[in-house]
Amino acid sequence: ERITLTRNGWGYTRLTIETEGDFLQTEKTALTDDDFLGNRCLIVVLIDGSRLHAGSNYGKIHIYNEYISLEIPICVRQHDATEQTLSRGKTSFLPGKRSGSA
């Protein structure tokens, strides 16, 4: 799966990416202005099928720095050994660092 992140403006960017849920992973753990082509950046999200259980598997992707925090809820439904359905919830925008981060 892929998530497109759009920034407003130009200049230095440093964002941290964290996942919640042992079945979720991203290709990168941080983004800088070099990762943006124009004002867009593609975030590749990997789903480890071996870590899914039957039914709904819930997780989140957190993207943050000292000025903004984004939270993207993820749900992967494991129907059987070969069929999965992915859905994303509404993205939450919060000021500042993600709670609990240093």
PDB file of N, CA and C in Angstrom:
ATOM      1  N   GLU A   1       0.839  -1.177   0.000  1.00  0.00           N
ATOM      2  CA  GLU A   1       0.000   0.000   0.000  1.00  0.00           C
ATOM      3  C   GLU A   1       0.882   1.238   0.000  1.00  0.00           C
ATOM      4  N   ARG A   2       0.309   2.329  -0.450  1.00  0.00           N
ATOM      5  CA  ARG A   2       1.040   3.587  -0.511  1.00  0.00           C
ATOM      6  C   ARG A   2       0.197   4.718   0.053  1.00  0.00           C
ATOM      7  N   ILE A   3       0.876   5.646   0.705  1.00  0.00           N
ATOM      8  CA  ILE A   3       0.250   6.858   1.214  1.00  0.00           C
ATOM      9  C   ILE A   3       0.999   8.028   0.600  1.00  0.00           C
ATOM     10  N   THR A   4       0.268   8.990   0.041  1.00  0.00           N
ATOM     11  CA  THR A   4       0.891  10.188  -0.499  1.00  0.00           C
ATOM     12  C   THR A   4       0.785  11.294   0.537  1.00  0.00           C
ATOM     13  N   LEU A   5       1.919  11.867   0.884  1.00  0.00           N
ATOM     14  CA  LEU A   5       1.984  12.955   1.849  1.00  0.00           C
ATOM     15  C   LEU A   5       2.293  14.230   1.070  1.00  0.00           C
ATOM     16  N   THR A   6       1.499  15.280   1.288  1.00  0.00           N
ATOM     17  CA  THR A   6       1.695  16.552   0.607  1.00  0.00           C
ATOM     18  C   THR A   6       2.060  17.619   1.627  1.00  0.00           C
ATOM     19  N   ARG A   7       3.088  18.380   1.323  1.00  0.00           N
ATOM     20  CA  ARG A   7       3.469  19.476   2.217  1.00  0.00           C
ATOM     21  C   ARG A   7       3.147  20.800   1.553  1.00  0.00           C
ATOM     22  N   ASN A   8       2.968  21.801   2.368  1.00  0.00           N
ATOM     23  CA  ASN A   8       2.631  23.128   1.887  1.00  0.00           C
ATOM     24  C   ASN A   8       3.866  24.001   2.011  1.00  0.00           C
ATOM     25  N   GLY A   9       4.471  24.333   0.894  1.00  0.00           N
ATOM     26  CA  GLY A   9       5.652  25.181   0.931  1.00  0.00           C
ATOM     27  C   GLY A   9       6.920  24.417   0.592  1.00  0.00           C
ATOM     28  N   TRP A  10       8.045  25.004   0.927  1.00  0.00           N
ATOM     29  CA  TRP A  10       9.336  24.416   0.620  1.00  0.00           C
ATOM     30  C   TRP A  10      10.258  24.641   1.813  1.00  0.00           C
ATOM     31  N   GLY A  11      11.445  24.095   1.716  1.00  0.00           N
ATOM     32  CA  GLY A  11      12.425  24.279   2.777  1.00  0.00           C
ATOM     33  C   GLY A  11      12.674  22.989   3.535  1.00  0.00           C
ATOM     34  N   TYR A  12      13.369  23.127   4.639  1.00  0.00           N
ATOM     35  CA  TYR A  12      13.781  21.967   5.431  1.00  0.00           C
ATOM     36  C   TYR A  12      12.572  21.241   6.000  1.00  0.00           C
ATOM     37  N   THR A  13      12.586  19.926   5.853  1.00  0.00           N
ATOM     38  CA  THR A  13      11.542  19.063   6.415  1.00  0.00           C
ATOM     39  C   THR A  13      12.208  17.874   7.086  1.00  0.00           C
ATOM     40  N   ARG A  14      11.768  17.541   8.268  1.00  0.00           N
ATOM     41  CA  ARG A  14      12.215  16.336   8.970  1.00  0.00           C
ATOM     42  C   ARG A  14      11.007  15.772   9.701  1.00  0.00           C
ATOM     43  N   LEU A  15      10.564  14.589   9.281  1.00  0.00           N
ATOM     44  CA  LEU A  15       9.420  13.919   9.892  1.00  0.00           C
ATOM     45  C   LEU A  15       9.831  12.520  10.331  1.00  0.00           C
ATOM     46  N   THR A  16       9.336  12.092  11.468  1.00  0.00           N
ATOM     47  CA  THR A  16       9.553  10.740  11.968  1.00  0.00           C
ATOM     48  C   THR A  16       8.319   9.913  11.657  1.00  0.00           C
ATOM     49  N   ILE A  17       8.539   8.658  11.237  1.00  0.00           N
ATOM     50  CA  ILE A  17       7.433   7.746  10.954  1.00  0.00           C
ATOM     51  C   ILE A  17       7.530   6.574  11.918  1.00  0.00           C
ATOM     52  N   GLU A  18       6.429   6.277  12.603  1.00  0.00           N
ATOM     53  CA  GLU A  18       6.341   5.109  13.483  1.00  0.00           C
ATOM     54  C   GLU A  18       5.069   4.344  13.162  1.00  0.00           C
ATOM     55  N   THR A  19       5.109   3.041  13.356  1.00  0.00           N
ATOM     56  CA  THR A  19       3.912   2.224  13.163  1.00  0.00           C
ATOM     57  C   THR A  19       3.501   1.600  14.478  1.00  0.00           C
ATOM     58  N   GLU A  20       2.224   1.377  14.608  1.00  0.00           N
ATOM     59  CA  GLU A  20       1.648   0.719  15.778  1.00  0.00           C
ATOM     60  C   GLU A  20       0.898  -0.504  15.253  1.00  0.00           C
ATOM     61  N   GLY A  21       1.268  -1.665  15.701  1.00  0.00           N
ATOM     62  CA  GLY A  21       0.718  -2.923  15.188  1.00  0.00           C
ATOM     63  C   GLY A  21       1.863  -3.724  14.585  1.00  0.00           C
ATOM     64  N   ASP A  22       2.094  -4.929  15.085  1.00  0.00           N
ATOM     65  CA  ASP A  22       3.272  -5.690  14.655  1.00  0.00           C
ATOM     66  C   ASP A  22       3.194  -6.171  13.210  1.00  0.00           C
ATOM     67  N   PHE A  23       2.058  -6.022  12.545  1.00  0.00           N
ATOM     68  CA  PHE A  23       1.918  -6.420  11.145  1.00  0.00           C
ATOM     69  C   PHE A  23       2.238  -5.273  10.183  1.00  0.00           C
ATOM     70  N   LEU A  24       2.404  -4.050  10.704  1.00  0.00           N
ATOM     71  CA  LEU A  24       2.662  -2.867   9.880  1.00  0.00           C
ATOM     72  C   LEU A  24       4.120  -2.469   9.913  1.00  0.00           C
ATOM     73  N   GLN A  25       4.597  -1.982   8.763  1.00  0.00           N
ATOM     74  CA  GLN A  25       5.966  -1.515   8.646  1.00  0.00           C
ATOM     75  C   GLN A  25       6.014  -0.515   7.502  1.00  0.00           C
ATOM     76  N   THR A  26       6.918   0.442   7.550  1.00  0.00           N
ATOM     77  CA  THR A  26       7.131   1.354   6.430  1.00  0.00           C
ATOM     78  C   THR A  26       8.554   1.189   5.939  1.00  0.00           C
ATOM     79  N   GLU A  27       8.787   1.559   4.686  1.00  0.00           N
ATOM     80  CA  GLU A  27      10.136   1.435   4.127  1.00  0.00           C
ATOM     81  C   GLU A  27      11.120   2.370   4.817  1.00  0.00           C
ATOM     82  N   LYS A  28      10.636   3.520   5.282  1.00  0.00           N
ATOM     83  CA  LYS A  28      11.501   4.505   5.926  1.00  0.00           C
ATOM     84  C   LYS A  28      10.961   4.834   7.310  1.00  0.00           C
ATOM     85  N   THR A  29      11.852   5.219   8.200  1.00  0.00           N
ATOM     86  CA  THR A  29      11.454   5.641   9.536  1.00  0.00           C
ATOM     87  C   THR A  29      11.539   7.154   9.697  1.00  0.00           C
ATOM     88  N   ALA A  30      12.070   7.831   8.673  1.00  0.00           N
ATOM     89  CA  ALA A  30      12.164   9.290   8.698  1.00  0.00           C
ATOM     90  C   ALA A  30      12.084   9.820   7.270  1.00  0.00           C
ATOM     91  N   LEU A  31      11.580  11.046   7.153  1.00  0.00           N
ATOM     92  CA  LEU A  31      11.499  11.730   5.865  1.00  0.00           C
ATOM     93  C   LEU A  31      12.168  13.089   5.990  1.00  0.00           C
ATOM     94  N   THR A  32      12.870  13.503   4.936  1.00  0.00           N
ATOM     95  CA  THR A  32      13.442  14.839   4.868  1.00  0.00           C
ATOM     96  C   THR A  32      12.969  15.495   3.581  1.00  0.00           C
ATOM     97  N   ASP A  33      13.362  16.753   3.370  1.00  0.00           N
ATOM     98  CA  ASP A  33      12.967  17.461   2.166  1.00  0.00           C
ATOM     99  C   ASP A  33      13.454  16.742   0.905  1.00  0.00           C
ATOM    100  N   ASP A  34      14.507  15.951   0.984  1.00  0.00           N
ATOM    101  CA  ASP A  34      15.006  15.189  -0.161  1.00  0.00           C
ATOM    102  C   ASP A  34      14.030  14.096  -0.611  1.00  0.00           C
ATOM    103  N   ASP A  35      13.135  13.653   0.276  1.00  0.00           N
ATOM    104  CA  ASP A  35      12.155  12.613  -0.056  1.00  0.00           C
ATOM    105  C   ASP A  35      10.950  13.156  -0.817  1.00  0.00           C
ATOM    106  N   PHE A  36      10.809  14.475  -0.855  1.00  0.00           N
ATOM    107  CA  PHE A  36       9.671  15.095  -1.523  1.00  0.00           C
ATOM    108  C   PHE A  36      10.045  15.475  -2.945  1.00  0.00           C
ATOM    109  N   LEU A  37       9.215  15.052  -3.890  1.00  0.00           N
ATOM    110  CA  LEU A  37       9.343  15.474  -5.273  1.00  0.00           C
ATOM    111  C   LEU A  37       8.301  16.571  -5.465  1.00  0.00           C
ATOM    112  N   GLY A  38       8.767  17.802  -5.625  1.00  0.00           N
ATOM    113  CA  GLY A  38       7.836  18.924  -5.557  1.00  0.00           C
ATOM    114  C   GLY A  38       7.363  19.016  -4.121  1.00  0.00           C
ATOM    115  N   ASN A  39       6.079  18.918  -3.909  1.00  0.00           N
ATOM    116  CA  ASN A  39       5.523  18.963  -2.555  1.00  0.00           C
ATOM    117  C   ASN A  39       4.924  17.632  -2.137  1.00  0.00           C
ATOM    118  N   ARG A  40       5.243  16.556  -2.859  1.00  0.00           N
ATOM    119  CA  ARG A  40       4.656  15.245  -2.559  1.00  0.00           C
ATOM    120  C   ARG A  40       5.727  14.201  -2.253  1.00  0.00           C
ATOM    121  N   CYS A  41       5.348  13.322  -1.329  1.00  0.00           N
ATOM    122  CA  CYS A  41       6.217  12.210  -0.951  1.00  0.00           C
ATOM    123  C   CYS A  41       5.365  10.946  -0.875  1.00  0.00           C
ATOM    124  N   LEU A  42       5.892   9.855  -1.389  1.00  0.00           N
ATOM    125  CA  LEU A  42       5.192   8.579  -1.357  1.00  0.00           C
ATOM    126  C   LEU A  42       5.741   7.738  -0.208  1.00  0.00           C
ATOM    127  N   ILE A  43       4.857   7.293   0.682  1.00  0.00           N
ATOM    128  CA  ILE A  43       5.240   6.437   1.803  1.00  0.00           C
ATOM    129  C   ILE A  43       4.732   5.031   1.500  1.00  0.00           C
ATOM    130  N   VAL A  44       5.643   4.079   1.420  1.00  0.00           N
ATOM    131  CA  VAL A  44       5.267   2.690   1.145  1.00  0.00           C
ATOM    132  C   VAL A  44       5.023   1.988   2.474  1.00  0.00           C
ATOM    133  N   VAL A  45       3.823   1.398   2.604  1.00  0.00           N
ATOM    134  CA  VAL A  45       3.433   0.678   3.819  1.00  0.00           C
ATOM    135  C   VAL A  45       3.427  -0.807   3.509  1.00  0.00           C
ATOM    136  N   LEU A  46       4.145  -1.573   4.307  1.00  0.00           N
ATOM    137  CA  LEU A  46       4.244  -3.022   4.123  1.00  0.00           C
ATOM    138  C   LEU A  46       3.393  -3.726   5.177  1.00  0.00           C
ATOM    139  N   ILE A  47       2.673  -4.747   4.737  1.00  0.00           N
ATOM    140  CA  ILE A  47       1.836  -5.536   5.640  1.00  0.00           C
ATOM    141  C   ILE A  47       2.382  -6.950   5.673  1.00  0.00           C
ATOM    142  N   ASP A  48       2.752  -7.404   6.858  1.00  0.00           N
ATOM    143  CA  ASP A  48       3.297  -8.750   7.042  1.00  0.00           C
ATOM    144  C   ASP A  48       2.146  -9.715   7.282  1.00  0.00           C
ATOM    145  N   GLY A  49       1.771 -10.452   6.239  1.00  0.00           N
ATOM    146  CA  GLY A  49       0.646 -11.376   6.319  1.00  0.00           C
ATOM    147  C   GLY A  49       0.820 -12.469   7.356  1.00  0.00           C
ATOM    148  N   SER A  50       2.070 -12.823   7.675  1.00  0.00           N
ATOM    149  CA  SER A  50       2.301 -13.875   8.665  1.00  0.00           C
ATOM    150  C   SER A  50       1.961 -13.414  10.083  1.00  0.00           C
ATOM    151  N   ARG A  51       1.813 -12.109  10.284  1.00  0.00           N
ATOM    152  CA  ARG A  51       1.487 -11.572  11.608  1.00  0.00           C
ATOM    153  C   ARG A  51       0.011 -11.209  11.764  1.00  0.00           C
ATOM    154  N   LEU A  52      -0.784 -11.506  10.725  1.00  0.00           N
ATOM    155  CA  LEU A  52      -2.221 -11.228  10.799  1.00  0.00           C
ATOM    156  C   LEU A  52      -2.956 -12.395  11.434  1.00  0.00           C
ATOM    157  N   HIS A  53      -3.963 -12.096  12.228  1.00  0.00           N
ATOM    158  CA  HIS A  53      -4.839 -13.129  12.763  1.00  0.00           C
ATOM    159  C   HIS A  53      -6.166 -13.051  12.017  1.00  0.00           C
ATOM    160  N   ALA A  54      -6.989 -14.048  12.160  1.00  0.00           N
ATOM    161  CA  ALA A  54      -8.300 -14.037  11.504  1.00  0.00           C
ATOM    162  C   ALA A  54      -9.121 -12.872  12.023  1.00  0.00           C
ATOM    163  N   GLY A  55      -9.878 -12.234  11.133  1.00  0.00           N
ATOM    164  CA  GLY A  55     -10.702 -11.105  11.534  1.00  0.00           C
ATOM    165  C   GLY A  55      -9.988  -9.785  11.332  1.00  0.00           C
ATOM    166  N   SER A  56     -10.320  -8.807  12.160  1.00  0.00           N
ATOM    167  CA  SER A  56      -9.804  -7.444  12.013  1.00  0.00           C
ATOM    168  C   SER A  56      -8.495  -7.258  12.782  1.00  0.00           C
ATOM    169  N   ASN A  57      -7.517  -6.673  12.109  1.00  0.00           N
ATOM    170  CA  ASN A  57      -6.214  -6.343  12.685  1.00  0.00           C
ATOM    171  C   ASN A  57      -6.074  -4.819  12.629  1.00  0.00           C
ATOM    172  N   TYR A  58      -5.952  -4.181  13.794  1.00  0.00           N
ATOM    173  CA  TYR A  58      -5.922  -2.724  13.860  1.00  0.00           C
ATOM    174  C   TYR A  58      -4.511  -2.228  14.141  1.00  0.00           C
ATOM    175  N   GLY A  59      -4.157  -1.128  13.496  1.00  0.00           N
ATOM    176  CA  GLY A  59      -2.867  -0.489  13.714  1.00  0.00           C
ATOM    177  C   GLY A  59      -2.956   0.981  13.353  1.00  0.00           C
ATOM    178  N   LYS A  60      -1.828   1.686  13.456  1.00  0.00           N
ATOM    179  CA  LYS A  60      -1.775   3.113  13.128  1.00  0.00           C
ATOM    180  C   LYS A  60      -0.406   3.440  12.558  1.00  0.00           C
ATOM    181  N   ILE A  61      -0.389   4.471  11.744  1.00  0.00           N
ATOM    182  CA  ILE A  61       0.863   5.050  11.270  1.00  0.00           C
ATOM    183  C   ILE A  61       0.921   6.460  11.840  1.00  0.00           C
ATOM    184  N   HIS A  62       2.012   6.771  12.531  1.00  0.00           N
ATOM    185  CA  HIS A  62       2.224   8.092  13.119  1.00  0.00           C
ATOM    186  C   HIS A  62       3.322   8.789  12.334  1.00  0.00           C
ATOM    187  N   ILE A  63       3.050  10.005  11.887  1.00  0.00           N
ATOM    188  CA  ILE A  63       4.030  10.830  11.183  1.00  0.00           C
ATOM    189  C   ILE A  63       4.076  12.151  11.937  1.00  0.00           C
ATOM    190  N   TYR A  64       5.273  12.528  12.430  1.00  0.00           N
ATOM    191  CA  TYR A  64       5.305  13.711  13.302  1.00  0.00           C
ATOM    192  C   TYR A  64       6.658  14.395  13.320  1.00  0.00           C
ATOM    193  N   ASN A  65       6.644  15.627  13.773  1.00  0.00           N
ATOM    194  CA  ASN A  65       7.827  16.380  14.167  1.00  0.00           C
ATOM    195  C   ASN A  65       7.402  17.323  15.286  1.00  0.00           C
ATOM    196  N   GLU A  66       8.209  18.344  15.571  1.00  0.00           N
ATOM    197  CA  GLU A  66       7.861  19.218  16.694  1.00  0.00           C
ATOM    198  C   GLU A  66       6.696  20.166  16.384  1.00  0.00           C
ATOM    199  N   TYR A  67       6.294  20.249  15.114  1.00  0.00           N
ATOM    200  CA  TYR A  67       5.230  21.185  14.741  1.00  0.00           C
ATOM    201  C   TYR A  67       3.892  20.527  14.428  1.00  0.00           C
ATOM    202  N   ILE A  68       3.905  19.275  13.992  1.00  0.00           N
ATOM    203  CA  ILE A  68       2.664  18.611  13.574  1.00  0.00           C
ATOM    204  C   ILE A  68       2.749  17.123  13.886  1.00  0.00           C
ATOM    205  N   SER A  69       1.594  16.535  14.103  1.00  0.00           N
ATOM    206  CA  SER A  69       1.505  15.097  14.331  1.00  0.00           C
ATOM    207  C   SER A  69       0.305  14.560  13.550  1.00  0.00           C
ATOM    208  N   LEU A  70       0.541  13.564  12.693  1.00  0.00           N
ATOM    209  CA  LEU A  70      -0.519  12.927  11.921  1.00  0.00           C
ATOM    210  C   LEU A  70      -0.681  11.497  12.416  1.00  0.00           C
ATOM    211  N   GLU A  71      -1.921  11.058  12.512  1.00  0.00           N
ATOM    212  CA  GLU A  71      -2.211   9.684  12.926  1.00  0.00           C
ATOM    213  C   GLU A  71      -3.161   9.082  11.893  1.00  0.00           C
ATOM    214  N   ILE A  72      -2.735   7.988  11.257  1.00  0.00           N
ATOM    215  CA  ILE A  72      -3.533   7.339  10.223  1.00  0.00           C
ATOM    216  C   ILE A  72      -3.929   5.952  10.719  1.00  0.00           C
ATOM    217  N   PRO A  73      -5.206   5.746  11.055  1.00  0.00           N
ATOM    218  CA  PRO A  73      -5.656   4.422  11.499  1.00  0.00           C
ATOM    219  C   PRO A  73      -5.702   3.447  10.321  1.00  0.00           C
ATOM    220  N   ILE A  74      -5.304   2.204  10.570  1.00  0.00           N
ATOM    221  CA  ILE A  74      -5.279   1.152   9.557  1.00  0.00           C
ATOM    222  C   ILE A  74      -6.042  -0.060  10.097  1.00  0.00           C
ATOM    223  N   CYS A  75      -6.830  -0.680   9.241  1.00  0.00           N
ATOM    224  CA  CYS A  75      -7.493  -1.935   9.590  1.00  0.00           C
ATOM    225  C   CYS A  75      -7.306  -2.909   8.433  1.00  0.00           C
ATOM    226  N   VAL A  76      -6.747  -4.080   8.727  1.00  0.00           N
ATOM    227  CA  VAL A  76      -6.613  -5.138   7.737  1.00  0.00           C
ATOM    228  C   VAL A  76      -7.482  -6.295   8.201  1.00  0.00           C
ATOM    229  N   ARG A  77      -8.414  -6.681   7.346  1.00  0.00           N
ATOM    230  CA  ARG A  77      -9.291  -7.815   7.669  1.00  0.00           C
ATOM    231  C   ARG A  77      -8.771  -9.055   6.957  1.00  0.00           C
ATOM    232  N   GLN A  78      -8.472 -10.064   7.737  1.00  0.00           N
ATOM    233  CA  GLN A  78      -7.995 -11.342   7.203  1.00  0.00           C
ATOM    234  C   GLN A  78      -9.211 -12.245   7.031  1.00  0.00           C
ATOM    235  N   HIS A  79      -9.620 -12.462   5.777  1.00  0.00           N
ATOM    236  CA  HIS A  79     -10.810 -13.271   5.492  1.00  0.00           C
ATOM    237  C   HIS A  79     -10.496 -14.764   5.515  1.00  0.00           C
ATOM    238  N   ASP A  80      -9.414 -15.144   4.862  1.00  0.00           N
ATOM    239  CA  ASP A  80      -8.931 -16.524   4.887  1.00  0.00           C
ATOM    240  C   ASP A  80      -7.433 -16.468   4.627  1.00  0.00           C
ATOM    241  N   ALA A  81      -6.822 -17.595   4.329  1.00  0.00           N
ATOM    242  CA  ALA A  81      -5.361 -17.636   4.191  1.00  0.00           C
ATOM    243  C   ALA A  81      -4.849 -16.781   3.035  1.00  0.00           C
ATOM    244  N   THR A  82      -5.697 -16.470   2.054  1.00  0.00           N
ATOM    245  CA  THR A  82      -5.214 -15.750   0.875  1.00  0.00           C
ATOM    246  C   THR A  82      -5.874 -14.398   0.645  1.00  0.00           C
ATOM    247  N   GLU A  83      -6.957 -14.078   1.349  1.00  0.00           N
ATOM    248  CA  GLU A  83      -7.688 -12.839   1.064  1.00  0.00           C
ATOM    249  C   GLU A  83      -7.642 -11.881   2.237  1.00  0.00           C
ATOM    250  N   GLN A  84      -7.235 -10.618   1.921  1.00  0.00           N
ATOM    251  CA  GLN A  84      -7.161  -9.560   2.927  1.00  0.00           C
ATOM    252  C   GLN A  84      -7.830  -8.311   2.378  1.00  0.00           C
ATOM    253  N   THR A  85      -8.392  -7.511   3.257  1.00  0.00           N
ATOM    254  CA  THR A  85      -8.967  -6.226   2.895  1.00  0.00           C
ATOM    255  C   THR A  85      -8.342  -5.165   3.781  1.00  0.00           C
ATOM    256  N   LEU A  86      -7.846  -4.095   3.175  1.00  0.00           N
ATOM    257  CA  LEU A  86      -7.223  -2.995   3.906  1.00  0.00           C
ATOM    258  C   LEU A  86      -8.136  -1.786   3.852  1.00  0.00           C
ATOM    259  N   SER A  87      -8.301  -1.118   4.989  1.00  0.00           N
ATOM    260  CA  SER A  87      -9.037   0.146   5.000  1.00  0.00           C
ATOM    261  C   SER A  87      -8.303   1.129   5.897  1.00  0.00           C
ATOM    262  N   ARG A  88      -8.413   2.409   5.545  1.00  0.00           N
ATOM    263  CA  ARG A  88      -7.802   3.471   6.337  1.00  0.00           C
ATOM    264  C   ARG A  88      -8.900   4.325   6.925  1.00  0.00           C
ATOM    265  N   GLY A  89      -8.731   4.691   8.159  1.00  0.00           N
ATOM    266  CA  GLY A  89      -9.676   5.584   8.809  1.00  0.00           C
ATOM    267  C   GLY A  89      -9.319   7.030   8.520  1.00  0.00           C
ATOM    268  N   LYS A  90     -10.004   7.935   9.176  1.00  0.00           N
ATOM    269  CA  LYS A  90      -9.773   9.357   9.002  1.00  0.00           C
ATOM    270  C   LYS A  90      -8.462   9.766   9.661  1.00  0.00           C
ATOM    271  N   THR A  91      -7.642  10.527   8.931  1.00  0.00           N
ATOM    272  CA  THR A  91      -6.372  11.017   9.455  1.00  0.00           C
ATOM    273  C   THR A  91      -6.620  12.107  10.477  1.00  0.00           C
ATOM    274  N   SER A  92      -5.959  12.016  11.611  1.00  0.00           N
ATOM    275  CA  SER A  92      -6.060  13.033  12.653  1.00  0.00           C
ATOM    276  C   SER A  92      -4.833  13.937  12.581  1.00  0.00           C
ATOM    277  N   PHE A  93      -5.046  15.253  12.613  1.00  0.00           N
ATOM    278  CA  PHE A  93      -3.968  16.232  12.630  1.00  0.00           C
ATOM    279  C   PHE A  93      -3.910  16.830  14.030  1.00  0.00           C
ATOM    280  N   LEU A  94      -2.740  16.758  14.644  1.00  0.00           N
ATOM    281  CA  LEU A  94      -2.564  17.268  15.996  1.00  0.00           C
ATOM    282  C   LEU A  94      -1.360  18.192  16.027  1.00  0.00           C
ATOM    283  N   PRO A  95      -1.358  19.209  16.864  1.00  0.00           N
ATOM    284  CA  PRO A  95      -0.187  20.086  16.961  1.00  0.00           C
ATOM    285  C   PRO A  95       0.936  19.405  17.723  1.00  0.00           C
ATOM    286  N   GLY A  96       2.164  19.717  17.349  1.00  0.00           N
ATOM    287  CA  GLY A  96       3.323  19.279  18.121  1.00  0.00           C
ATOM    288  C   GLY A  96       3.632  17.822  18.020  1.00  0.00           C
ATOM    289  N   LYS A  97       4.541  17.378  18.875  1.00  0.00           N
ATOM    290  CA  LYS A  97       4.994  15.995  18.895  1.00  0.00           C
ATOM    291  C   LYS A  97       3.885  15.047  19.305  1.00  0.00           C
ATOM    292  N   ARG A  98       4.024  13.819  18.837  1.00  0.00           N
ATOM    293  CA  ARG A  98       3.096  12.762  19.217  1.00  0.00           C
ATOM    294  C   ARG A  98       3.226  12.521  20.709  1.00  0.00           C
ATOM    295  N   SER A  99       2.115  12.320  21.393  1.00  0.00           N
ATOM    296  CA  SER A  99       2.171  12.104  22.838  1.00  0.00           C
ATOM    297  C   SER A  99       2.979  10.850  23.137  1.00  0.00           C
ATOM    298  N   GLY A 100       3.811  10.954  24.139  1.00  0.00           N
ATOM    299  CA  GLY A 100       4.639   9.817  24.530  1.00  0.00           C
ATOM    300  C   GLY A 100       5.984   9.810  23.838  1.00  0.00           C
ATOM    301  N   SER A 101       6.219  10.695  22.867  1.00  0.00           N
ATOM    302  CA  SER A 101       7.510  10.714  22.184  1.00  0.00           C
ATOM    303  C   SER A 101       8.449  11.654  22.909  1.00  0.00           C
ATOM    304  N   ALA A 102       9.728  11.403  22.735  1.00  0.00           N
ATOM    305  CA  ALA A 102      10.733  12.217  23.422  1.00  0.00           C
ATOM    306  C   ALA A 102      11.051  13.476  22.683  1.00  0.00           C
TER     307      ALA A 102
END
